[in-house]
Protein backbone atom coordinates (compact mmCIF):
# COMPACT_ATOMS: atom_id res chain seq x y z
CA GLU A 1 16.58 -23.17 -1.23
CA ASP A 2 14.90 -21.21 1.60
CA CYS A 3 13.63 -18.71 -0.94
CA THR A 4 12.13 -21.49 -3.06
CA VAL A 5 10.29 -22.97 -0.08
CA PHE A 6 9.04 -19.52 0.89
CA MET A 7 7.74 -18.86 -2.63
CA ILE A 8 5.97 -22.24 -2.71
CA VAL A 9 4.25 -21.45 0.60
CA VAL A 10 3.24 -17.97 -0.61
CA LEU A 11 1.85 -19.33 -3.87
CA ALA A 12 -0.04 -22.06 -2.00
CA LEU A 13 -1.59 -19.46 0.32
CA ILE A 14 -2.56 -17.29 -2.63
CA GLY A 15 -4.13 -20.32 -4.32
CA LEU A 16 -6.09 -21.19 -1.17
CA THR A 17 -7.30 -17.62 -0.81
CA VAL A 18 -8.44 -17.43 -4.43
CA ALA A 19 -10.17 -20.81 -4.18
CA ASP A 20 -11.87 -19.71 -0.96
CA GLU A 21 -13.14 -16.52 -2.62
CA MET A 22 -14.40 -18.44 -5.66
CA THR A 23 -16.30 -20.95 -3.50
CA GLY A 24 -17.80 -18.46 -1.07
CA GLY A 25 -15.64 -19.62 1.81
CA ALA A 26 -16.05 -23.37 1.31
CA VAL A 27 -12.29 -23.97 1.25
CA LEU A 28 -11.16 -22.17 4.39
CA ASP A 29 -14.36 -22.10 6.49
CA PRO A 30 -13.76 -25.60 7.93
CA LEU A 31 -10.26 -24.52 8.95
CA ARG A 32 -11.58 -21.29 10.46
CA GLU A 33 -14.10 -23.27 12.54
CA ARG A 34 -11.40 -25.59 13.83
CA PHE A 35 -8.77 -22.86 14.36
CA PRO A 36 -10.42 -19.63 15.57
CA ALA A 37 -7.10 -17.78 15.23
CA LEU A 38 -7.61 -17.92 11.46
CA GLN A 39 -10.67 -15.67 11.72
CA PRO A 40 -9.88 -12.39 9.98
CA GLU A 41 -10.12 -9.38 12.24
CA PHE A 42 -10.67 -6.11 10.46
CA PRO A 43 -10.48 -2.80 12.30
CA ALA A 44 -13.43 -0.46 12.14
CA PHE A 45 -13.42 1.43 8.85
CA ASP A 46 -13.88 5.18 9.13
CA VAL A 47 -14.52 6.79 5.74
CA ARG A 48 -13.86 10.30 7.10
CA ARG A 49 -10.46 9.23 8.40
CA VAL A 50 -9.54 7.74 5.01
CA ASP A 51 -10.71 10.93 3.26
CA ARG A 52 -8.59 13.06 5.61
CA SER A 53 -5.57 10.83 4.99
CA ILE A 54 -5.97 11.10 1.23
CA ASP A 55 -6.36 14.88 1.51
CA ARG A 56 -3.23 15.23 3.69
CA ALA A 57 -1.18 12.99 1.39
CA THR A 58 -2.33 14.97 -1.67
CA ARG A 59 -1.44 18.27 -0.01
CA TYR A 60 1.96 16.89 0.98
CA LEU A 61 2.76 15.75 -2.56
CA CYS A 62 1.74 19.14 -3.94
CA ALA A 63 3.91 20.92 -1.37
CA ALA A 64 6.84 18.53 -1.99
CA ALA A 65 7.08 19.49 -5.68
CA ASP A 66 9.63 22.12 -6.62
CA GLU A 67 9.24 24.75 -9.33
CA ASP A 68 10.28 22.19 -12.00
CA GLY A 69 7.64 19.72 -10.82
CA LYS A 70 10.13 17.32 -9.28
CA PHE A 71 9.31 15.86 -5.89
CA ALA A 72 11.55 16.00 -2.85
CA TYR A 73 11.79 12.35 -1.89
CA GLU A 74 14.43 12.73 0.76
CA ILE A 75 13.87 15.07 3.67
CA LYS A 76 16.43 15.64 6.42
CA VAL A 77 14.90 14.74 9.76
CA GLU A 78 16.97 17.30 11.64
CA ASP A 79 15.73 20.41 9.86
CA GLY A 80 13.02 19.29 7.43
CA GLU A 81 15.02 20.45 4.41
CA ALA A 82 14.77 18.59 1.11
CA ARG A 83 17.90 16.70 0.16
CA GLU A 84 19.07 16.88 -3.45
CA THR A 85 19.74 13.56 -5.16
CA ASP A 86 21.82 13.09 -8.29
CA ASP A 87 19.71 10.27 -9.68
CA TYR A 88 16.08 11.35 -9.87
CA ASN A 89 13.81 8.32 -9.95
CA VAL A 90 11.37 8.65 -12.87
CA LEU A 91 9.42 5.55 -11.85
CA ARG A 92 8.86 6.97 -8.36
CA HIS A 93 7.85 10.30 -9.93
CA THR A 94 5.32 8.52 -12.13
CA GLY A 95 3.87 6.74 -9.10
CA ALA A 96 3.52 10.06 -7.25
CA ILE A 97 1.74 11.63 -10.24
CA TYR A 98 -0.54 8.59 -10.48
CA ALA A 99 -1.40 8.97 -6.78
CA LEU A 100 -2.20 12.65 -7.31
CA VAL A 101 -4.49 11.88 -10.24
CA ASP A 102 -6.12 9.04 -8.32
CA SER A 103 -6.77 11.35 -5.36
CA CYS A 104 -9.08 13.43 -7.58
CA TYR A 105 -11.56 10.56 -7.58
CA PHE A 106 -11.95 10.45 -3.79
């Protein structure tokens, strides 16, 4: 029951957000004027910082691949060694490859 209520609230918020976007803010602007806490606050966007983050993540993924092309997804905190897992996650691997390909466009 709690999950159902939560999903209804989430869907309602998504609907309000979409309607607000489609109307150029006409749906939520009156609420934002009345309740200033609803004003979105976005941090300053630094393109160089994003580029550095993408570069570091790409380098990490390349370094985390073994000679077979599999990624080390589990690293021991104590010594930084990769931990072998019996069940290699192909979906996770595909996502990592997608991220690598996508990084070429930045």
